[in-house]
Amino acid sequence: MGRSLRIALLSYRSKPHSGGQGIYVRALSRELTELGHRVEVLSGQPYPDLDAGVPLTRLPSLDLYREPDPFRTPRPSELRDWIDVAEWAVMCTAGFPEPMTFSLRAARHLLPRAGGSGPREFDIVHDNQSLGWGLLRLVRAGIPTVATVHHPIAIDRELELAATRSLRRRLTLRRWYGFTTMQARVARRLDGVTTVSENSRRDIATHMGLPAEGVDVIPVGIDPDEFTPPPAGQPRDPDSILVITSADVALKGLVHLLEALAKLRTERPARLTVVGSARPGGPAEAALDRLALRDAVRFTGPVPQEELVDLLQRASVVAIPSLYEGFSLPAVEAMACATPLVTTDAGALPEVVGTKAGLRVRAGDVGELTAALQLVLDSPALGEQLGRAGRRRVLDTFTWRSTAQRTADWYADILDRRGTP
């Protein structure tokens, strides 16, 4: 190992049991620490679950989108400073303020500790896709500052806009996603940017204006000792389909999967487990009633890792019906558990899954999705073949230790280019 680094790892929200940000922060901080580096995580709500030896500094927001009262009105006593007022004001005008306001709180906290008025406690600051204006305060202070961009959020905006015909909804979406302009401008001024796939690198160049050659690719992964194939002799549940989705939005293609399930159920008692939640009044919930699937679909909400592994080990097939994926950690988790995949050809999915670990269909094509799921459900031997290939692919390519080592090497290259001791 080279020099030991002191790293501030930032995450504006870090949902611990679903959603890639909390998983990324926990795993990367753990593996960097085991490699001999010192990592401190700074996060807004929801806070991550971190491993022993990794300190967490809480930078609380107003948590305006928490359950069960999202878009709440804070009490006057909750408004501690001008950043809180700005967060509330942006929400009131239909914007999403958290990336900006978290970055401002992070800069306020870090400047005295990372080369401002006191001794330098960190060698580098690594932002996990907040890309807020506050990061530029660190850059101007000469603090090495880099970021991971999993994929450009402008793509989410385009897909959601394409999925609605309501003028009012379109105007609201444009306002909500207004922070994407800030993210593109900030990303172009950082010391370095990394992403998780070649597909995301191309999309960052297209949607954020960063030259592709200036973006480093470091795939994320899993712990192959925790995500494992089923114990010997444990059968998979017949006709069981699993999907992991952190958000009920058009991007994830959940409605297409529900339509495919309805077609499958005309011939077999197929069942779907959704690791995630349906947005009240959202498209997935409406599809359950339209397709008469209430008794065939179970939403688990967020689950701890142990339960997720058990669900993956028992499923006959994991479906990823997304219209876009910048990487797809659920695909890697399924492959590690030797569970066969049916995925779309969207975004980075072909790059992540390859040609041997799953069947691939055109994004948005319900007929192709139905046929591929039926083929895997009809042929346990095919499922085992796909699963074995997926496990091999993960062990060769996608582990958190590899991610952490490549990330540490990237930090060292950034610091060397800057001439930072």
Protein backbone atom coordinates (compact mmCIF):
# COMPACT_ATOMS: atom_id res chain seq x y z
CA MET A 1 0.00 0.00 0.00
CA GLY A 2 1.14 3.58 -0.66
CA ARG A 3 0.73 6.46 1.73
CA SER A 4 -2.07 6.47 4.28
CA LEU A 5 -4.62 9.19 3.45
CA ARG A 6 -7.07 11.17 5.57
CA ILE A 7 -10.39 11.25 3.68
CA ALA A 8 -13.61 13.18 4.26
CA LEU A 9 -16.39 11.25 2.50
CA LEU A 10 -19.56 13.30 1.93
CA SER A 11 -23.09 12.03 1.29
CA TYR A 12 -26.10 14.34 1.40
CA ARG A 13 -28.45 11.43 2.17
CA SER A 14 -27.41 7.87 2.97
CA LYS A 15 -30.41 5.55 3.23
CA PRO A 16 -28.83 2.50 4.90
CA HIS A 17 -30.79 -0.47 3.55
CA SER A 18 -31.88 0.55 0.05
CA GLY A 19 -30.71 3.11 -2.41
CA GLY A 20 -27.17 3.07 -3.66
CA GLN A 21 -25.80 6.06 -1.75
CA GLY A 22 -25.92 4.58 1.75
CA ILE A 23 -24.54 1.25 0.56
CA TYR A 24 -21.74 2.95 -1.38
CA VAL A 25 -20.69 5.11 1.57
CA ARG A 26 -20.70 2.25 4.05
CA ALA A 27 -18.80 -0.21 1.88
CA LEU A 28 -16.25 2.25 0.50
CA SER A 29 -15.48 3.73 3.93
CA ARG A 30 -15.07 0.25 5.46
CA GLU A 31 -12.75 -1.03 2.74
CA LEU A 32 -10.64 2.15 2.65
CA THR A 33 -10.25 1.89 6.42
CA GLU A 34 -9.16 -1.75 6.16
CA LEU A 35 -6.60 -0.67 3.58
CA GLY A 36 -5.06 1.60 6.22
CA HIS A 37 -6.63 4.96 5.38
CA ARG A 38 -8.53 7.18 7.81
CA VAL A 39 -12.07 7.93 6.65
CA GLU A 40 -14.66 10.19 8.24
CA VAL A 41 -18.17 10.19 6.76
CA LEU A 42 -20.22 13.39 6.79
CA SER A 43 -23.91 12.88 5.99
CA GLY A 44 -27.34 14.38 6.17
CA GLN A 45 -30.49 12.39 6.99
CA PRO A 46 -31.16 9.54 6.57
CA TYR A 47 -27.84 8.67 8.16
CA PRO A 48 -25.86 5.61 7.07
CA ASP A 49 -25.07 2.50 9.07
CA LEU A 50 -21.27 2.46 9.24
CA ASP A 51 -18.87 -0.25 10.30
CA ALA A 52 -16.76 -0.13 13.45
CA GLY A 53 -13.83 2.22 13.12
CA VAL A 54 -15.51 4.64 10.71
CA PRO A 55 -16.64 7.86 12.44
CA LEU A 56 -19.82 9.63 11.34
CA THR A 57 -20.31 13.38 11.52
CA ARG A 58 -23.99 14.27 11.27
CA LEU A 59 -24.84 17.42 9.34
CA PRO A 60 -28.61 17.53 9.89
CA SER A 61 -30.90 19.03 7.31
CA LEU A 62 -34.49 20.00 8.03
CA ASP A 63 -35.39 16.50 6.72
CA LEU A 64 -38.31 17.92 4.79
CA TYR A 65 -38.99 14.72 2.85
CA ARG A 66 -39.03 12.23 5.72
CA GLU A 67 -41.76 9.66 6.18
CA PRO A 68 -44.55 9.78 7.18
CA ASP A 69 -44.84 13.56 6.59
CA PRO A 70 -42.92 14.50 3.42
CA PHE A 71 -43.03 18.16 2.28
CA ARG A 72 -43.70 19.15 5.85
CA THR A 73 -43.65 22.70 7.20
CA PRO A 74 -40.92 23.04 9.85
CA ARG A 75 -41.59 24.80 13.13
CA PRO A 76 -39.98 28.27 13.39
CA SER A 77 -37.72 26.93 16.16
CA GLU A 78 -36.23 24.44 13.67
CA LEU A 79 -34.80 27.20 11.48
CA ARG A 80 -31.30 27.52 12.92
CA ASP A 81 -29.60 29.67 10.29
CA TRP A 82 -29.83 31.06 6.76
CA ILE A 83 -29.09 27.66 5.19
CA ASP A 84 -32.18 26.21 6.88
CA VAL A 85 -34.25 29.14 5.62
CA ALA A 86 -32.92 28.58 2.09
CA GLU A 87 -33.75 24.86 2.29
CA TRP A 88 -37.33 25.55 3.29
CA ALA A 89 -37.75 28.34 0.72
CA VAL A 90 -36.54 26.16 -2.17
CA MET A 91 -38.92 23.37 -1.14
CA CYS A 92 -41.79 25.86 -1.00
CA THR A 93 -41.09 26.78 -4.62
CA ALA A 94 -41.16 23.10 -5.74
CA GLY A 95 -37.38 22.70 -5.91
CA PHE A 96 -35.15 20.05 -4.33
CA PRO A 97 -32.68 21.86 -2.06
CA GLU A 98 -30.75 19.09 -0.29
CA PRO A 99 -27.70 18.76 -2.59
CA MET A 100 -27.08 22.50 -2.36
CA THR A 101 -27.79 22.99 1.34
CA PHE A 102 -25.85 19.88 2.41
CA SER A 103 -22.80 21.07 0.49
CA LEU A 104 -22.99 24.47 2.19
CA ARG A 105 -23.16 22.83 5.63
CA ALA A 106 -20.28 20.50 4.71
CA ALA A 107 -18.10 23.41 3.56
CA ARG A 108 -18.85 25.36 6.73
CA HIS A 109 -17.84 22.34 8.81
CA LEU A 110 -14.75 21.36 6.80
CA LEU A 111 -13.08 24.69 6.07
CA PRO A 112 -11.63 25.09 9.59
CA ARG A 113 -10.55 21.43 9.63
CA ALA A 114 -9.11 21.00 6.14
CA GLY A 115 -6.69 23.86 5.70
CA GLY A 116 -8.58 26.92 6.75
CA SER A 117 -7.96 28.50 10.16
CA GLY A 118 -6.75 25.32 11.92
CA PRO A 119 -4.43 22.38 11.23
CA ARG A 120 -5.24 20.32 8.15
CA GLU A 121 -7.12 17.18 9.24
CA PHE A 122 -7.89 15.82 5.75
CA ASP A 123 -5.82 15.18 2.63
CA ILE A 124 -8.82 15.01 0.31
CA VAL A 125 -12.59 15.57 0.30
CA HIS A 126 -14.67 13.04 -1.67
CA ASP A 127 -18.26 14.04 -2.43
CA ASN A 128 -20.86 11.40 -3.29
CA GLN A 129 -22.94 13.24 -5.92
CA SER A 130 -24.25 16.21 -4.00
CA LEU A 131 -22.22 18.46 -6.33
CA GLY A 132 -23.50 21.53 -4.53
CA TRP A 133 -22.19 25.10 -4.55
CA GLY A 134 -20.52 24.59 -1.17
CA LEU A 135 -17.88 22.35 -2.75
CA LEU A 136 -16.56 25.35 -4.67
CA ARG A 137 -15.76 27.03 -1.35
CA LEU A 138 -13.44 24.10 -0.63
CA VAL A 139 -11.89 24.31 -4.10
CA ARG A 140 -11.23 28.05 -3.71
CA ALA A 141 -9.58 27.36 -0.35
CA GLY A 142 -7.15 24.99 -2.08
CA ILE A 143 -8.59 21.84 -0.51
CA PRO A 144 -8.35 18.83 -2.91
CA THR A 145 -11.98 18.02 -3.69
CA VAL A 146 -13.30 15.22 -5.90
CA ALA A 147 -16.65 13.55 -6.52
CA THR A 148 -18.35 10.37 -7.60
CA VAL A 149 -21.11 10.85 -10.17
CA HIS A 150 -23.05 7.61 -10.41
CA HIS A 151 -24.96 8.98 -13.40
CA PRO A 152 -26.20 12.42 -14.49
CA ILE A 153 -29.52 13.16 -12.76
CA ALA A 154 -30.53 15.07 -15.91
CA ILE A 155 -31.34 11.65 -17.38
CA ASP A 156 -33.90 11.01 -14.60
CA ARG A 157 -35.44 14.37 -15.45
CA GLU A 158 -35.75 13.55 -19.15
CA LEU A 159 -37.34 10.15 -18.50
CA GLU A 160 -39.84 11.55 -16.01
CA LEU A 161 -40.76 14.36 -18.38
CA ALA A 162 -41.28 11.85 -21.18
CA ALA A 163 -43.59 9.80 -18.93
CA THR A 164 -46.08 12.60 -18.22
CA ARG A 165 -48.42 14.63 -20.43
CA SER A 166 -49.64 16.96 -17.71
CA LEU A 167 -48.40 20.50 -18.30
CA ARG A 168 -48.55 21.26 -14.60
CA ARG A 169 -46.59 18.12 -13.78
CA ARG A 170 -43.99 18.96 -16.43
CA LEU A 171 -43.49 22.44 -15.00
CA THR A 172 -43.16 20.99 -11.49
CA LEU A 173 -40.62 18.41 -12.65
CA ARG A 174 -38.50 21.05 -14.36
CA ARG A 175 -38.44 23.06 -11.15
CA TRP A 176 -37.72 19.98 -8.98
CA TYR A 177 -34.75 19.01 -11.14
CA GLY A 178 -33.38 22.54 -11.30
CA PHE A 179 -30.42 21.48 -9.17
CA THR A 180 -28.97 19.53 -12.13
CA THR A 181 -27.65 22.77 -13.66
CA MET A 182 -25.74 23.45 -10.43
CA GLN A 183 -24.34 19.92 -10.40
CA ALA A 184 -22.97 20.19 -13.93
CA ARG A 185 -21.29 23.53 -13.20
CA VAL A 186 -19.74 22.32 -9.95
CA ALA A 187 -18.50 19.03 -11.41
CA ARG A 188 -16.53 20.87 -14.08
CA ARG A 189 -14.54 22.78 -11.44
CA LEU A 190 -13.52 19.91 -9.14
CA ASP A 191 -10.08 18.33 -8.98
CA GLY A 192 -11.39 15.01 -10.21
CA VAL A 193 -14.56 13.08 -11.04
CA THR A 194 -15.07 9.34 -11.07
CA THR A 195 -18.04 7.27 -12.20
CA VAL A 196 -19.07 3.64 -12.10
CA SER A 197 -19.27 2.57 -15.77
CA GLU A 198 -18.17 3.48 -19.27
CA ASN A 199 -21.81 4.18 -20.10
CA SER A 200 -22.04 6.72 -17.28
CA ARG A 201 -18.80 8.32 -18.43
CA ARG A 202 -20.30 8.92 -21.88
CA ASP A 203 -23.50 10.27 -20.34
CA ILE A 204 -21.56 12.62 -18.06
CA ALA A 205 -19.80 14.04 -21.11
CA THR A 206 -23.14 14.50 -22.89
CA HIS A 207 -25.25 15.88 -20.04
CA MET A 208 -22.72 17.61 -17.79
CA GLY A 209 -20.13 18.90 -20.23
CA LEU A 210 -17.09 17.13 -18.73
CA PRO A 211 -14.66 15.68 -21.29
CA ALA A 212 -14.96 11.89 -21.14
CA GLU A 213 -11.20 11.49 -20.91
CA GLY A 214 -11.26 13.55 -17.70
CA VAL A 215 -13.61 11.14 -15.91
CA ASP A 216 -12.15 8.01 -14.29
CA VAL A 217 -14.19 4.78 -14.21
CA ILE A 218 -14.17 2.80 -10.96
CA PRO A 219 -16.94 0.15 -10.82
CA VAL A 220 -18.62 -0.52 -7.48
CA GLY A 221 -19.15 -4.00 -6.10
CA ILE A 222 -20.26 -6.25 -3.26
CA ASP A 223 -18.76 -8.38 -0.51
CA PRO A 224 -18.72 -11.88 -2.02
CA ASP A 225 -18.53 -13.41 1.47
CA GLU A 226 -21.89 -11.84 2.39
CA PHE A 227 -23.72 -12.11 -0.94
CA THR A 228 -23.42 -15.84 -1.58
CA PRO A 229 -25.30 -18.59 -3.47
CA PRO A 230 -28.00 -20.48 -1.55
CA PRO A 231 -26.83 -23.16 0.89
CA ALA A 232 -26.48 -26.60 -0.67
CA GLY A 233 -29.86 -28.28 -0.92
CA GLN A 234 -31.93 -25.11 -0.48
CA PRO A 235 -34.40 -24.91 -3.37
CA ARG A 236 -35.49 -21.65 -4.92
CA ASP A 237 -39.15 -20.66 -4.63
CA PRO A 238 -40.86 -21.68 -7.88
CA ASP A 239 -42.45 -18.93 -10.00
CA SER A 240 -40.92 -16.23 -7.79
CA ILE A 241 -39.63 -12.99 -9.30
CA LEU A 242 -37.69 -10.36 -7.36
CA VAL A 243 -37.02 -6.73 -8.21
CA ILE A 244 -35.00 -4.25 -6.15
CA THR A 245 -35.97 -0.62 -6.64
CA SER A 246 -35.17 2.30 -4.37
CA ALA A 247 -37.65 4.65 -6.03
CA ASP A 248 -41.07 4.28 -7.66
CA VAL A 249 -40.23 6.44 -10.69
CA ALA A 250 -40.46 5.97 -14.45
CA LEU A 251 -36.70 5.43 -14.65
CA LYS A 252 -36.99 2.03 -12.93
CA GLY A 253 -39.59 0.53 -15.31
CA LEU A 254 -41.61 -1.07 -12.53
CA VAL A 255 -44.93 -0.62 -14.35
CA HIS A 256 -43.55 -2.56 -17.33
CA LEU A 257 -42.62 -5.41 -14.98
CA LEU A 258 -46.11 -5.39 -13.46
CA GLU A 259 -47.61 -5.62 -16.95
CA ALA A 260 -45.32 -8.56 -17.73
CA LEU A 261 -46.36 -10.24 -14.47
CA ALA A 262 -50.03 -9.90 -15.44
CA LYS A 263 -49.31 -11.64 -18.74
CA LEU A 264 -47.37 -14.42 -16.99
CA ARG A 265 -50.22 -15.03 -14.58
CA THR A 266 -52.56 -16.01 -17.38
CA GLU A 267 -50.54 -19.25 -17.58
CA ARG A 268 -48.81 -19.72 -14.19
CA PRO A 269 -49.09 -18.52 -10.55
CA ALA A 270 -46.12 -16.17 -10.80
CA ARG A 271 -45.49 -13.84 -7.85
CA LEU A 272 -43.42 -10.67 -7.54
CA THR A 273 -41.54 -9.37 -4.51
CA VAL A 274 -40.53 -5.70 -4.72
CA VAL A 275 -37.71 -4.67 -2.40
CA GLY A 276 -38.90 -1.09 -2.10
CA SER A 277 -42.14 0.82 -1.68
CA ALA A 278 -44.95 1.99 -3.96
CA ARG A 279 -45.50 5.73 -3.92
CA PRO A 280 -49.10 6.43 -2.70
CA GLY A 281 -51.12 7.38 -5.74
CA GLY A 282 -48.14 6.70 -8.00
CA PRO A 283 -48.06 4.74 -11.27
CA ALA A 284 -47.10 1.41 -9.70
CA GLU A 285 -49.94 1.51 -7.20
CA ALA A 286 -52.40 2.43 -9.96
CA ALA A 287 -51.12 -0.48 -12.06
CA LEU A 288 -51.78 -2.95 -9.24
CA ASP A 289 -55.49 -2.15 -9.40
CA ARG A 290 -55.63 -1.84 -13.18
CA LEU A 291 -54.01 -5.25 -13.62
CA ALA A 292 -55.69 -6.93 -10.61
CA LEU A 293 -52.31 -7.81 -9.05
CA ARG A 294 -52.84 -6.88 -5.41
CA ASP A 295 -52.62 -10.52 -4.29
CA ALA A 296 -49.59 -11.30 -6.49
CA VAL A 297 -47.22 -8.50 -5.49
CA ARG A 298 -45.53 -7.86 -2.15
CA PHE A 299 -43.69 -4.63 -1.33
CA THR A 300 -41.17 -5.16 1.45
CA GLY A 301 -40.00 -1.58 1.94
CA PRO A 302 -36.32 -1.17 2.87
CA VAL A 303 -34.79 -4.37 4.26
CA PRO A 304 -31.50 -5.07 6.08
CA GLN A 305 -28.77 -6.78 4.10
CA GLU A 306 -29.31 -10.19 5.71
CA GLU A 307 -32.93 -10.24 4.58
CA LEU A 308 -31.99 -9.01 1.11
CA VAL A 309 -29.51 -11.86 0.72
CA ASP A 310 -32.17 -14.37 1.79
CA LEU A 311 -34.64 -12.93 -0.75
CA LEU A 312 -32.01 -13.15 -3.51
CA GLN A 313 -31.15 -16.73 -2.60
CA ARG A 314 -34.79 -17.82 -2.74
CA ALA A 315 -35.90 -16.03 -5.93
CA SER A 316 -36.15 -17.96 -9.19
CA VAL A 317 -35.17 -14.88 -11.17
CA VAL A 318 -34.31 -11.22 -10.55
CA ALA A 319 -35.78 -8.72 -13.00
CA ILE A 320 -34.25 -5.33 -13.77
CA PRO A 321 -36.77 -3.59 -16.07
CA SER A 322 -35.09 -0.17 -15.91
CA LEU A 323 -35.23 2.41 -18.68
CA TYR A 324 -31.81 3.63 -17.53
CA GLU A 325 -29.11 2.46 -15.14
CA GLY A 326 -25.81 4.18 -14.54
CA PHE A 327 -24.48 0.96 -13.00
CA SER A 328 -26.98 -1.32 -11.14
CA LEU A 329 -25.77 -2.63 -7.83
CA PRO A 330 -28.85 -4.93 -7.60
CA ALA A 331 -27.61 -6.73 -10.71
CA VAL A 332 -24.23 -7.38 -9.06
CA GLU A 333 -25.91 -8.50 -5.82
CA ALA A 334 -28.08 -10.96 -7.75
CA MET A 335 -25.11 -12.33 -9.68
CA ALA A 336 -23.14 -12.78 -6.44
CA CYS A 337 -26.01 -14.91 -5.11
CA ALA A 338 -25.98 -16.96 -8.34
CA THR A 339 -29.53 -15.79 -9.12
CA PRO A 340 -30.34 -15.57 -12.83
CA LEU A 341 -31.14 -12.17 -14.28
CA VAL A 342 -33.55 -10.77 -16.83
CA THR A 343 -32.53 -7.20 -17.63
CA THR A 344 -33.15 -4.55 -20.23
CA ASP A 345 -30.50 -3.18 -22.58
CA ALA A 346 -30.68 0.25 -20.94
CA GLY A 347 -27.71 2.30 -19.81
CA ALA A 348 -24.86 0.33 -18.25
CA LEU A 349 -26.78 -2.93 -17.77
CA PRO A 350 -25.15 -4.75 -20.73
CA GLU A 351 -21.74 -3.59 -19.49
CA VAL A 352 -22.39 -4.80 -15.93
CA VAL A 353 -24.15 -8.10 -16.63
CA GLY A 354 -22.28 -9.17 -19.76
CA THR A 355 -23.62 -11.87 -22.06
CA LYS A 356 -23.67 -14.98 -19.86
CA ALA A 357 -25.28 -14.05 -16.52
CA GLY A 358 -28.72 -13.03 -17.73
CA LEU A 359 -31.19 -12.63 -20.56
CA ARG A 360 -31.44 -9.17 -22.13
CA VAL A 361 -34.54 -7.50 -23.56
CA ARG A 362 -35.28 -4.13 -25.12
CA ALA A 363 -36.09 -1.47 -22.52
CA GLY A 364 -39.82 -0.81 -22.37
CA ASP A 365 -40.79 -3.91 -24.38
CA VAL A 366 -43.29 -5.76 -22.17
CA GLY A 367 -43.64 -8.66 -24.60
CA GLU A 368 -39.90 -9.39 -24.63
CA LEU A 369 -39.73 -9.02 -20.85
CA THR A 370 -42.59 -11.50 -20.39
CA ALA A 371 -41.03 -14.06 -22.72
CA ALA A 372 -37.60 -13.87 -21.08
CA LEU A 373 -39.03 -14.27 -17.58
CA GLN A 374 -41.12 -17.22 -18.73
CA LEU A 375 -38.07 -18.87 -20.31
CA VAL A 376 -36.08 -18.71 -17.05
CA LEU A 377 -39.04 -19.83 -14.92
CA ASP A 378 -39.66 -22.78 -17.29
CA SER A 379 -36.03 -23.92 -17.23
CA PRO A 380 -34.30 -24.34 -13.85
CA ALA A 381 -31.24 -25.68 -15.70
CA LEU A 382 -30.93 -22.42 -17.66
CA GLY A 383 -31.34 -20.49 -14.41
CA GLU A 384 -28.49 -22.45 -12.79
CA GLN A 385 -26.26 -21.86 -15.82
CA LEU A 386 -26.91 -18.10 -15.75
CA GLY A 387 -26.41 -18.00 -11.98
CA ARG A 388 -23.03 -19.76 -12.10
CA ALA A 389 -21.82 -17.39 -14.79
CA GLY A 390 -22.97 -14.40 -12.74
CA ARG A 391 -21.11 -15.54 -9.63
CA ARG A 392 -17.90 -15.99 -11.63
CA ARG A 393 -18.30 -12.53 -13.14
CA VAL A 394 -18.64 -10.89 -9.73
CA LEU A 395 -15.59 -12.63 -8.29
CA ASP A 396 -13.55 -11.55 -11.32
CA THR A 397 -14.74 -7.94 -11.54
CA PHE A 398 -17.02 -6.52 -8.84
CA THR A 399 -15.79 -6.52 -5.23
CA TRP A 400 -15.68 -3.61 -2.78
CA ARG A 401 -12.03 -4.28 -1.99
CA SER A 402 -11.15 -3.74 -5.65
CA THR A 403 -13.29 -0.58 -5.68
CA ALA A 404 -11.54 0.80 -2.60
CA GLN A 405 -8.03 0.03 -3.89
CA ARG A 406 -8.72 1.72 -7.21
CA THR A 407 -10.30 4.68 -5.42
CA ALA A 408 -7.25 5.09 -3.17
CA ASP A 409 -4.96 4.96 -6.22
CA TRP A 410 -7.15 7.62 -7.84
CA TYR A 411 -6.82 9.87 -4.78
CA ALA A 412 -3.04 9.48 -4.91
CA ASP A 413 -2.96 10.39 -8.61
CA ILE A 414 -5.08 13.50 -7.96
CA LEU A 415 -2.79 14.62 -5.12
CA ASP A 416 0.34 13.92 -7.18
CA ARG A 417 -0.99 16.00 -10.09
CA ARG A 418 -1.71 18.85 -7.69
CA GLY A 419 1.68 18.52 -6.09
CA THR A 420 0.00 18.13 -2.69
CA PRO A 421 2.30 16.59 -0.05
